[in-house]
């Protein structure tokens, strides 16, 4: 979850074709996926199930780790 002043970062990740991870600072989590610096909350999950959602997929995750930052 991002803070209200991270709207530009949110927009970056919402655009297709953007080079997201070179345009922002991040670090790997203990299991490998990226954690965005400055995020209010992060959740590290393992994919538990994937369901058909018509024109997209619905992914259910099992929470492995989480934390809240300052804010």
N, C-alpha and C. Protein backbone atom coordinates (compact mmCIF):
# COMPACT_ATOMS: atom_id res chain seq x y z
N UNK A 1 0.84 -1.16 0.00
CA UNK A 1 0.00 0.00 0.00
C UNK A 1 0.89 1.23 0.00
N UNK A 2 0.51 2.18 -0.83
CA UNK A 2 1.32 3.39 -0.96
C UNK A 2 0.67 4.56 -0.23
N UNK A 3 1.49 5.54 0.11
CA UNK A 3 1.01 6.74 0.78
C UNK A 3 0.37 7.69 -0.23
N UNK A 4 -0.39 8.65 0.26
CA UNK A 4 -1.09 9.59 -0.61
C UNK A 4 -0.11 10.40 -1.47
N UNK A 5 1.10 10.61 -1.01
CA UNK A 5 2.07 11.37 -1.79
C UNK A 5 2.86 10.51 -2.77
N UNK A 6 2.45 9.24 -2.94
CA UNK A 6 3.11 8.34 -3.89
C UNK A 6 2.22 8.06 -5.11
N UNK A 7 1.36 9.01 -5.45
CA UNK A 7 0.46 8.86 -6.58
C UNK A 7 1.22 8.61 -7.88
N UNK A 8 2.34 9.32 -8.07
CA UNK A 8 3.13 9.15 -9.29
C UNK A 8 3.68 7.73 -9.39
N UNK A 9 4.12 7.18 -8.26
CA UNK A 9 4.61 5.80 -8.23
C UNK A 9 3.49 4.82 -8.56
N UNK A 10 2.31 5.07 -8.03
CA UNK A 10 1.16 4.23 -8.33
C UNK A 10 0.85 4.27 -9.83
N UNK A 11 0.90 5.45 -10.41
CA UNK A 11 0.63 5.60 -11.86
C UNK A 11 1.69 4.87 -12.68
N UNK A 12 2.94 4.93 -12.25
CA UNK A 12 4.01 4.23 -12.95
C UNK A 12 3.71 2.73 -13.04
N UNK A 13 3.28 2.14 -11.94
CA UNK A 13 3.00 0.71 -11.93
C UNK A 13 1.68 0.36 -12.63
N UNK A 14 0.85 1.36 -12.91
CA UNK A 14 -0.41 1.13 -13.61
C UNK A 14 -0.28 1.23 -15.13
N UNK A 15 0.86 1.73 -15.61
CA UNK A 15 1.07 1.89 -17.06
C UNK A 15 1.71 0.64 -17.64
N UNK A 16 1.27 0.27 -18.82
CA UNK A 16 1.91 -0.85 -19.50
C UNK A 16 3.19 -0.36 -20.18
N UNK A 17 4.16 -1.24 -20.26
CA UNK A 17 5.40 -0.94 -20.93
C UNK A 17 6.38 -0.10 -20.14
N UNK A 18 6.00 0.35 -18.95
CA UNK A 18 6.90 1.19 -18.15
C UNK A 18 8.01 0.33 -17.55
N UNK A 19 9.20 0.90 -17.43
CA UNK A 19 10.32 0.22 -16.80
C UNK A 19 10.27 0.52 -15.31
N UNK A 20 9.38 -0.16 -14.61
CA UNK A 20 9.00 0.17 -13.24
C UNK A 20 10.13 0.11 -12.22
N UNK A 21 10.92 -0.92 -12.27
CA UNK A 21 11.89 -1.15 -11.19
C UNK A 21 13.19 -0.39 -11.36
N UNK A 22 13.45 0.17 -12.52
CA UNK A 22 14.62 1.05 -12.66
C UNK A 22 14.23 2.49 -12.37
N UNK A 23 12.94 2.79 -12.32
CA UNK A 23 12.45 4.15 -12.09
C UNK A 23 12.17 4.44 -10.62
N UNK A 24 12.33 3.45 -9.74
CA UNK A 24 12.06 3.66 -8.32
C UNK A 24 13.03 2.84 -7.48
N UNK A 25 13.15 3.18 -6.22
CA UNK A 25 14.06 2.42 -5.35
C UNK A 25 13.29 1.30 -4.66
N UNK A 26 13.96 0.18 -4.53
CA UNK A 26 13.34 -1.00 -3.92
C UNK A 26 14.45 -1.90 -3.40
N UNK A 27 14.04 -2.90 -2.63
CA UNK A 27 14.97 -3.91 -2.13
C UNK A 27 14.24 -5.26 -2.17
N UNK A 28 14.98 -6.35 -2.28
CA UNK A 28 14.31 -7.65 -2.29
C UNK A 28 13.81 -8.04 -0.89
N UNK A 29 12.67 -8.69 -0.84
CA UNK A 29 12.18 -9.22 0.43
C UNK A 29 13.01 -10.45 0.81
N UNK A 30 12.74 -11.02 1.96
CA UNK A 30 13.49 -12.21 2.39
C UNK A 30 13.25 -13.40 1.47
N UNK A 31 12.13 -13.40 0.73
CA UNK A 31 11.85 -14.49 -0.19
C UNK A 31 12.07 -14.10 -1.65
N UNK A 32 12.52 -12.85 -1.89
CA UNK A 32 12.89 -12.45 -3.24
C UNK A 32 12.09 -11.36 -3.92
N UNK A 33 10.76 -11.31 -3.81
CA UNK A 33 10.00 -10.27 -4.50
C UNK A 33 10.39 -8.86 -4.04
N UNK A 34 10.21 -7.87 -4.90
CA UNK A 34 10.62 -6.51 -4.55
C UNK A 34 9.71 -5.85 -3.53
N UNK A 35 10.33 -5.08 -2.62
CA UNK A 35 9.61 -4.24 -1.67
C UNK A 35 9.92 -2.80 -2.04
N UNK A 36 8.90 -2.01 -2.35
CA UNK A 36 9.11 -0.62 -2.75
C UNK A 36 9.46 0.23 -1.54
N UNK A 37 10.54 0.97 -1.65
CA UNK A 37 10.94 1.87 -0.56
C UNK A 37 9.86 2.92 -0.33
N UNK A 38 9.55 3.19 0.92
CA UNK A 38 8.57 4.21 1.27
C UNK A 38 7.14 3.74 1.30
N UNK A 39 6.88 2.48 0.96
CA UNK A 39 5.50 1.98 1.00
C UNK A 39 5.00 1.98 2.45
N UNK A 40 3.71 2.26 2.62
CA UNK A 40 3.13 2.25 3.97
C UNK A 40 3.05 0.84 4.53
N UNK A 41 2.67 -0.10 3.69
CA UNK A 41 2.49 -1.49 4.10
C UNK A 41 2.97 -2.39 2.96
N UNK A 42 3.58 -3.49 3.30
CA UNK A 42 3.88 -4.49 2.29
C UNK A 42 3.45 -5.86 2.79
N UNK A 43 3.07 -6.71 1.84
CA UNK A 43 2.61 -8.06 2.14
C UNK A 43 3.34 -9.00 1.18
N UNK A 44 4.04 -9.98 1.72
CA UNK A 44 4.76 -10.97 0.92
C UNK A 44 3.92 -12.24 0.92
N UNK A 45 3.49 -12.67 -0.26
CA UNK A 45 2.58 -13.82 -0.37
C UNK A 45 3.13 -14.89 -1.30
N UNK A 46 2.66 -16.10 -1.09
CA UNK A 46 2.87 -17.21 -2.01
C UNK A 46 1.54 -17.47 -2.69
N UNK A 47 1.56 -17.70 -4.01
CA UNK A 47 0.32 -17.97 -4.73
C UNK A 47 -0.30 -19.26 -4.21
N UNK A 48 -1.54 -19.16 -3.76
CA UNK A 48 -2.28 -20.30 -3.24
C UNK A 48 -3.20 -20.89 -4.29
N UNK A 49 -3.89 -20.03 -5.06
CA UNK A 49 -4.81 -20.50 -6.10
C UNK A 49 -5.00 -19.39 -7.12
N UNK A 50 -5.31 -19.78 -8.35
CA UNK A 50 -5.62 -18.84 -9.42
C UNK A 50 -6.95 -19.25 -10.02
N UNK A 51 -7.89 -18.28 -10.12
CA UNK A 51 -9.22 -18.53 -10.65
C UNK A 51 -9.46 -17.68 -11.89
N UNK A 52 -10.22 -18.22 -12.83
CA UNK A 52 -10.59 -17.48 -14.03
C UNK A 52 -11.54 -16.35 -13.65
N UNK A 53 -11.25 -15.16 -14.10
CA UNK A 53 -12.10 -14.00 -13.80
C UNK A 53 -12.61 -13.36 -15.07
N UNK A 54 -12.86 -14.14 -16.10
CA UNK A 54 -13.33 -13.59 -17.37
C UNK A 54 -12.15 -13.12 -18.20
N UNK A 55 -11.91 -11.79 -18.24
CA UNK A 55 -10.80 -11.26 -19.03
C UNK A 55 -9.53 -11.08 -18.20
N UNK A 56 -9.50 -11.64 -17.00
CA UNK A 56 -8.31 -11.58 -16.16
C UNK A 56 -8.32 -12.77 -15.19
N UNK A 57 -7.33 -12.85 -14.33
CA UNK A 57 -7.25 -13.92 -13.34
C UNK A 57 -7.39 -13.34 -11.94
N UNK A 58 -7.98 -14.11 -11.06
CA UNK A 58 -8.08 -13.75 -9.64
C UNK A 58 -7.08 -14.62 -8.90
N UNK A 59 -6.11 -13.99 -8.26
CA UNK A 59 -5.04 -14.72 -7.59
C UNK A 59 -5.23 -14.61 -6.08
N UNK A 60 -5.28 -15.75 -5.41
CA UNK A 60 -5.36 -15.80 -3.95
C UNK A 60 -3.97 -16.13 -3.42
N UNK A 61 -3.53 -15.36 -2.45
CA UNK A 61 -2.21 -15.57 -1.88
C UNK A 61 -2.25 -15.96 -0.43
N UNK A 62 -1.26 -16.75 -0.01
CA UNK A 62 -1.07 -17.09 1.39
C UNK A 62 -0.01 -16.12 1.93
N UNK A 63 -0.33 -15.38 2.96
CA UNK A 63 0.58 -14.38 3.51
C UNK A 63 1.74 -15.07 4.23
N UNK A 64 2.96 -14.76 3.78
CA UNK A 64 4.16 -15.29 4.39
C UNK A 64 4.81 -14.30 5.34
N UNK A 65 4.67 -12.99 5.04
CA UNK A 65 5.26 -11.96 5.87
C UNK A 65 4.57 -10.65 5.55
N UNK A 66 4.56 -9.71 6.49
CA UNK A 66 4.00 -8.39 6.26
C UNK A 66 4.57 -7.42 7.26
N UNK A 67 4.50 -6.15 6.92
CA UNK A 67 4.97 -5.10 7.84
C UNK A 67 4.36 -3.78 7.43
N UNK A 68 4.32 -2.86 8.39
CA UNK A 68 3.85 -1.50 8.15
C UNK A 68 4.99 -0.54 8.41
N UNK A 69 5.14 0.44 7.53
CA UNK A 69 6.15 1.46 7.70
C UNK A 69 5.58 2.64 8.47
N UNK A 70 6.33 3.70 8.51
CA UNK A 70 5.86 4.93 9.18
C UNK A 70 4.83 5.63 8.30
N UNK A 71 3.81 6.17 8.90
CA UNK A 71 2.82 6.91 8.12
C UNK A 71 1.42 6.70 8.62
